Structure formats: C-alpha cells, structure tokens
Amino acid sequence: DIGMGMDVEALRRDTPGTANRMHL
C-alpha cells in the first residue's frame, strides 16, 4: 500500500533477517 514503486517482496528475499524476526 505504501511506496507502490518498490518491490518489497523481492527486497525481503534479499534480506535474510526478515525470515526470522519482525525487525522494527
């Protein structure tokens, strides 16, 4: 919904830590 020009799913696949935690 926010930042529609960004492929968030691809960025998350390229960020190993997102698989383990919600990093806030």
PDB file of all heavy atoms in Angstrom:
ATOM      1  N   ASP A   1       0.816  -1.206   0.000  1.00  0.00           N
ATOM      2  CA  ASP A   1       0.000   0.000   0.000  1.00  0.00           C
ATOM      3  C   ASP A   1       0.854   1.263   0.000  1.00  0.00           C
ATOM      4  O   ASP A   1       0.465   2.286  -0.561  1.00  0.00           O
ATOM      5  CB  ASP A   1      -0.911   0.025   1.235  1.00  0.00           C
ATOM      6  CG  ASP A   1      -1.830  -1.183   1.302  1.00  0.00           C
ATOM      7  OD1 ASP A   1      -2.103  -1.771   0.248  1.00  0.00           O
ATOM      8  OD2 ASP A   1      -2.260  -1.515   2.403  1.00  0.00           O
ATOM      9  N   ILE A   2       2.004   1.221   0.670  1.00  0.00           N
ATOM     10  CA  ILE A   2       2.844   2.398   0.825  1.00  0.00           C
ATOM     11  C   ILE A   2       4.094   2.193  -0.017  1.00  0.00           C
ATOM     12  O   ILE A   2       4.771   1.187   0.100  1.00  0.00           O
ATOM     13  CB  ILE A   2       3.225   2.606   2.307  1.00  0.00           C
ATOM     14  CG1 ILE A   2       1.961   2.729   3.166  1.00  0.00           C
ATOM     15  CG2 ILE A   2       4.112   3.818   2.488  1.00  0.00           C
ATOM     16  CD1 ILE A   2       2.211   2.635   4.645  1.00  0.00           C
ATOM     17  N   GLY A   3       4.423   3.157  -0.842  1.00  0.00           N
ATOM     18  CA  GLY A   3       5.614   3.017  -1.681  1.00  0.00           C
ATOM     19  C   GLY A   3       5.375   2.014  -2.791  1.00  0.00           C
ATOM     20  O   GLY A   3       6.055   0.998  -2.898  1.00  0.00           O
ATOM     21  N   MET A   4       4.384   2.283  -3.641  1.00  0.00           N
ATOM     22  CA  MET A   4       3.949   1.305  -4.629  1.00  0.00           C
ATOM     23  C   MET A   4       5.021   0.980  -5.658  1.00  0.00           C
ATOM     24  O   MET A   4       4.968  -0.052  -6.311  1.00  0.00           O
ATOM     25  CB  MET A   4       2.694   1.833  -5.335  1.00  0.00           C
ATOM     26  CG  MET A   4       1.471   1.900  -4.430  1.00  0.00           C
ATOM     27  SD  MET A   4       0.932   0.287  -3.854  1.00  0.00           S
ATOM     28  CE  MET A   4       0.328  -0.409  -5.383  1.00  0.00           C
ATOM     29  N   GLY A   5       6.019   1.852  -5.837  1.00  0.00           N
ATOM     30  CA  GLY A   5       7.038   1.583  -6.823  1.00  0.00           C
ATOM     31  C   GLY A   5       8.118   0.640  -6.362  1.00  0.00           C
ATOM     32  O   GLY A   5       9.052   0.359  -7.118  1.00  0.00           O
ATOM     33  N   MET A   6       8.004   0.134  -5.166  1.00  0.00           N
ATOM     34  CA  MET A   6       9.043  -0.695  -4.586  1.00  0.00           C
ATOM     35  C   MET A   6       8.578  -2.153  -4.511  1.00  0.00           C
ATOM     36  O   MET A   6       7.475  -2.434  -4.042  1.00  0.00           O
ATOM     37  CB  MET A   6       9.373  -0.161  -3.177  1.00  0.00           C
ATOM     38  CG  MET A   6      10.666  -0.651  -2.598  1.00  0.00           C
ATOM     39  SD  MET A   6      11.054   0.215  -1.035  1.00  0.00           S
ATOM     40  CE  MET A   6      11.669   1.778  -1.671  1.00  0.00           C
ATOM     41  N   ASP A   7       9.424  -3.067  -4.954  1.00  0.00           N
ATOM     42  CA  ASP A   7       9.107  -4.499  -4.890  1.00  0.00           C
ATOM     43  C   ASP A   7       9.546  -5.016  -3.522  1.00  0.00           C
ATOM     44  O   ASP A   7      10.659  -5.518  -3.345  1.00  0.00           O
ATOM     45  CB  ASP A   7       9.823  -5.246  -6.015  1.00  0.00           C
ATOM     46  CG  ASP A   7       9.377  -6.701  -6.134  1.00  0.00           C
ATOM     47  OD1 ASP A   7       8.754  -7.210  -5.175  1.00  0.00           O
ATOM     48  OD2 ASP A   7       9.654  -7.318  -7.170  1.00  0.00           O
ATOM     49  N   VAL A   8       8.661  -4.893  -2.557  1.00  0.00           N
ATOM     50  CA  VAL A   8       9.001  -5.222  -1.172  1.00  0.00           C
ATOM     51  C   VAL A   8       9.298  -6.706  -1.022  1.00  0.00           C
ATOM     52  O   VAL A   8      10.203  -7.103  -0.279  1.00  0.00           O
ATOM     53  CB  VAL A   8       7.869  -4.773  -0.229  1.00  0.00           C
ATOM     54  CG1 VAL A   8       8.176  -5.162   1.217  1.00  0.00           C
ATOM     55  CG2 VAL A   8       7.656  -3.278  -0.343  1.00  0.00           C
ATOM     56  N   GLU A   9       8.538  -7.537  -1.721  1.00  0.00           N
ATOM     57  CA  GLU A   9       8.766  -8.973  -1.598  1.00  0.00           C
ATOM     58  C   GLU A   9      10.180  -9.347  -2.050  1.00  0.00           C
ATOM     59  O   GLU A   9      10.865 -10.144  -1.400  1.00  0.00           O
ATOM     60  CB  GLU A   9       7.726  -9.750  -2.418  1.00  0.00           C
ATOM     61  CG  GLU A   9       6.324  -9.709  -1.839  1.00  0.00           C
ATOM     62  CD  GLU A   9       5.577  -8.425  -2.170  1.00  0.00           C
ATOM     63  OE1 GLU A   9       6.125  -7.601  -2.933  1.00  0.00           O
ATOM     64  OE2 GLU A   9       4.456  -8.237  -1.653  1.00  0.00           O
ATOM     65  N   ALA A  10      10.642  -8.758  -3.154  1.00  0.00           N
ATOM     66  CA  ALA A  10      12.000  -9.033  -3.629  1.00  0.00           C
ATOM     67  C   ALA A  10      13.039  -8.509  -2.642  1.00  0.00           C
ATOM     68  O   ALA A  10      14.063  -9.158  -2.392  1.00  0.00           O
ATOM     69  CB  ALA A  10      12.211  -8.409  -5.010  1.00  0.00           C
ATOM     70  N   LEU A  11      12.786  -7.342  -2.087  1.00  0.00           N
ATOM     71  CA  LEU A  11      13.714  -6.787  -1.103  1.00  0.00           C
ATOM     72  C   LEU A  11      13.799  -7.660   0.130  1.00  0.00           C
ATOM     73  O   LEU A  11      14.874  -7.828   0.718  1.00  0.00           O
ATOM     74  CB  LEU A  11      13.271  -5.369  -0.724  1.00  0.00           C
ATOM     75  CG  LEU A  11      13.446  -4.318  -1.815  1.00  0.00           C
ATOM     76  CD1 LEU A  11      12.671  -3.055  -1.482  1.00  0.00           C
ATOM     77  CD2 LEU A  11      14.921  -4.006  -2.012  1.00  0.00           C
ATOM     78  N   ARG A  12      12.687  -8.237   0.514  1.00  0.00           N
ATOM     79  CA  ARG A  12      12.688  -9.119   1.688  1.00  0.00           C
ATOM     80  C   ARG A  12      13.420 -10.434   1.393  1.00  0.00           C
ATOM     81  O   ARG A  12      14.126 -10.964   2.247  1.00  0.00           O
ATOM     82  CB  ARG A  12      11.255  -9.382   2.151  1.00  0.00           C
ATOM     83  CG  ARG A  12      10.621  -8.134   2.771  1.00  0.00           C
ATOM     84  CD  ARG A  12       9.162  -8.343   3.087  1.00  0.00           C
ATOM     85  NE  ARG A  12       8.963  -9.321   4.147  1.00  0.00           N
ATOM     86  CZ  ARG A  12       9.083  -9.064   5.448  1.00  0.00           C
ATOM     87  NH1 ARG A  12       9.430  -7.857   5.860  1.00  0.00           N
ATOM     88  NH2 ARG A  12       8.855 -10.009   6.344  1.00  0.00           N
ATOM     89  N   ARG A  13      13.285 -10.930   0.172  1.00  0.00           N
ATOM     90  CA  ARG A  13      14.040 -12.132  -0.185  1.00  0.00           C
ATOM     91  C   ARG A  13      15.535 -11.858  -0.156  1.00  0.00           C
ATOM     92  O   ARG A  13      16.340 -12.760   0.121  1.00  0.00           O
ATOM     93  CB  ARG A  13      13.615 -12.632  -1.575  1.00  0.00           C
ATOM     94  CG  ARG A  13      12.232 -13.250  -1.620  1.00  0.00           C
ATOM     95  CD  ARG A  13      11.999 -13.998  -2.925  1.00  0.00           C
ATOM     96  NE  ARG A  13      12.051 -13.110  -4.093  1.00  0.00           N
ATOM     97  CZ  ARG A  13      11.001 -12.456  -4.583  1.00  0.00           C
ATOM     98  NH1 ARG A  13       9.813 -12.588  -4.014  1.00  0.00           N
ATOM     99  NH2 ARG A  13      11.123 -11.695  -5.661  1.00  0.00           N
ATOM    100  N   ASP A  14      15.921 -10.615  -0.409  1.00  0.00           N
ATOM    101  CA  ASP A  14      17.322 -10.219  -0.395  1.00  0.00           C
ATOM    102  C   ASP A  14      17.798  -9.803   0.997  1.00  0.00           C
ATOM    103  O   ASP A  14      18.936  -9.388   1.164  1.00  0.00           O
ATOM    104  CB  ASP A  14      17.531  -9.050  -1.371  1.00  0.00           C
ATOM    105  CG  ASP A  14      18.994  -8.688  -1.556  1.00  0.00           C
ATOM    106  OD1 ASP A  14      19.792  -9.598  -1.870  1.00  0.00           O
ATOM    107  OD2 ASP A  14      19.336  -7.506  -1.361  1.00  0.00           O
ATOM    108  N   THR A  15      16.929  -9.965   1.990  1.00  0.00           N
ATOM    109  CA  THR A  15      17.249  -9.575   3.364  1.00  0.00           C
ATOM    110  C   THR A  15      17.030 -10.769   4.269  1.00  0.00           C
ATOM    111  O   THR A  15      15.909 -11.023   4.722  1.00  0.00           O
ATOM    112  CB  THR A  15      16.364  -8.387   3.811  1.00  0.00           C
ATOM    113  OG1 THR A  15      16.470  -7.320   2.866  1.00  0.00           O
ATOM    114  CG2 THR A  15      16.770  -7.892   5.195  1.00  0.00           C
ATOM    115  N   PRO A  16      18.065 -11.557   4.548  1.00  0.00           N
ATOM    116  CA  PRO A  16      17.886 -12.818   5.279  1.00  0.00           C
ATOM    117  C   PRO A  16      17.169 -12.669   6.614  1.00  0.00           C
ATOM    118  O   PRO A  16      16.375 -13.531   7.004  1.00  0.00           O
ATOM    119  CB  PRO A  16      19.327 -13.318   5.475  1.00  0.00           C
ATOM    120  CG  PRO A  16      20.097 -12.696   4.365  1.00  0.00           C
ATOM    121  CD  PRO A  16      19.468 -11.362   4.125  1.00  0.00           C
ATOM    122  N   GLY A  17      17.412 -11.561   7.316  1.00  0.00           N
ATOM    123  CA  GLY A  17      16.838 -11.415   8.643  1.00  0.00           C
ATOM    124  C   GLY A  17      15.332 -11.331   8.685  1.00  0.00           C
ATOM    125  O   GLY A  17      14.721 -11.593   9.730  1.00  0.00           O
ATOM    126  N   THR A  18      14.692 -10.976   7.574  1.00  0.00           N
ATOM    127  CA  THR A  18      13.238 -10.867   7.581  1.00  0.00           C
ATOM    128  C   THR A  18      12.556 -12.226   7.722  1.00  0.00           C
ATOM    129  O   THR A  18      11.375 -12.288   8.054  1.00  0.00           O
ATOM    130  CB  THR A  18      12.726 -10.182   6.303  1.00  0.00           C
ATOM    131  OG1 THR A  18      13.113 -10.955   5.158  1.00  0.00           O
ATOM    132  CG2 THR A  18      13.291  -8.775   6.178  1.00  0.00           C
ATOM    133  N   ALA A  19      13.297 -13.299   7.470  1.00  0.00           N
ATOM    134  CA  ALA A  19      12.713 -14.643   7.616  1.00  0.00           C
ATOM    135  C   ALA A  19      12.601 -15.063   9.071  1.00  0.00           C
ATOM    136  O   ALA A  19      11.847 -15.988   9.396  1.00  0.00           O
ATOM    137  CB  ALA A  19      13.561 -15.666   6.854  1.00  0.00           C
ATOM    138  N   ASN A  20      13.330 -14.384   9.950  1.00  0.00           N
ATOM    139  CA  ASN A  20      13.417 -14.831  11.338  1.00  0.00           C
ATOM    140  C   ASN A  20      12.685 -13.947  12.339  1.00  0.00           C
ATOM    141  O   ASN A  20      12.212 -14.448  13.366  1.00  0.00           O
ATOM    142  CB  ASN A  20      14.898 -14.889  11.756  1.00  0.00           C
ATOM    143  CG  ASN A  20      15.733 -15.733  10.836  1.00  0.00           C
ATOM    144  OD1 ASN A  20      15.337 -16.837  10.479  1.00  0.00           O
ATOM    145  ND2 ASN A  20      16.881 -15.208  10.422  1.00  0.00           N
ATOM    146  N   ARG A  21      12.610 -12.657  12.062  1.00  0.00           N
ATOM    147  CA  ARG A  21      12.056 -11.716  13.014  1.00  0.00           C
ATOM    148  C   ARG A  21      11.278 -10.627  12.270  1.00  0.00           C
ATOM    149  O   ARG A  21      11.470 -10.406  11.083  1.00  0.00           O
ATOM    150  CB  ARG A  21      13.171 -11.013  13.810  1.00  0.00           C
ATOM    151  CG  ARG A  21      14.201 -11.913  14.426  1.00  0.00           C
ATOM    152  CD  ARG A  21      13.740 -12.545  15.713  1.00  0.00           C
ATOM    153  NE  ARG A  21      13.646 -11.547  16.783  1.00  0.00           N
ATOM    154  CZ  ARG A  21      13.323 -11.863  18.039  1.00  0.00           C
ATOM    155  NH1 ARG A  21      13.055 -13.109  18.362  1.00  0.00           N
ATOM    156  NH2 ARG A  21      13.255 -10.928  18.969  1.00  0.00           N
ATOM    157  N   MET A  22      10.414  -9.948  13.031  1.00  0.00           N
ATOM    158  CA  MET A  22       9.872  -8.673  12.560  1.00  0.00           C
ATOM    159  C   MET A  22      10.808  -7.606  13.085  1.00  0.00           C
ATOM    160  O   MET A  22      10.832  -7.328  14.289  1.00  0.00           O
ATOM    161  CB  MET A  22       8.448  -8.465  13.086  1.00  0.00           C
ATOM    162  CG  MET A  22       7.395  -9.135  12.258  1.00  0.00           C
ATOM    163  SD  MET A  22       5.742  -8.824  12.899  1.00  0.00           S
ATOM    164  CE  MET A  22       5.726  -9.989  14.259  1.00  0.00           C
ATOM    165  N   HIS A  23      11.579  -7.026  12.206  1.00  0.00           N
ATOM    166  CA  HIS A  23      12.640  -6.123  12.644  1.00  0.00           C
ATOM    167  C   HIS A  23      12.133  -4.688  12.629  1.00  0.00           C
ATOM    168  O   HIS A  23      12.094  -4.034  11.580  1.00  0.00           O
ATOM    169  CB  HIS A  23      13.870  -6.257  11.743  1.00  0.00           C
ATOM    170  CG  HIS A  23      15.055  -5.527  12.279  1.00  0.00           C
ATOM    171  ND1 HIS A  23      15.717  -5.918  13.415  1.00  0.00           N
ATOM    172  CD2 HIS A  23      15.681  -4.401  11.848  1.00  0.00           C
ATOM    173  CE1 HIS A  23      16.719  -5.087  13.664  1.00  0.00           C
ATOM    174  NE2 HIS A  23      16.702  -4.152  12.730  1.00  0.00           N
ATOM    175  N   LEU A  24      11.749  -4.180  13.797  1.00  0.00           N
ATOM    176  CA  LEU A  24      11.305  -2.812  13.964  1.00  0.00           C
ATOM    177  C   LEU A  24      12.317  -2.061  14.830  1.00  0.00           C
ATOM    178  O   LEU A  24      11.954  -1.288  15.714  1.00  0.00           O
ATOM    179  CB  LEU A  24       9.900  -2.768  14.591  1.00  0.00           C
ATOM    180  CG  LEU A  24       8.799  -3.467  13.784  1.00  0.00           C
ATOM    181  CD1 LEU A  24       7.463  -3.355  14.499  1.00  0.00           C
ATOM    182  CD2 LEU A  24       8.704  -2.897  12.369  1.00  0.00           C
TER     183      LEU A  24
END
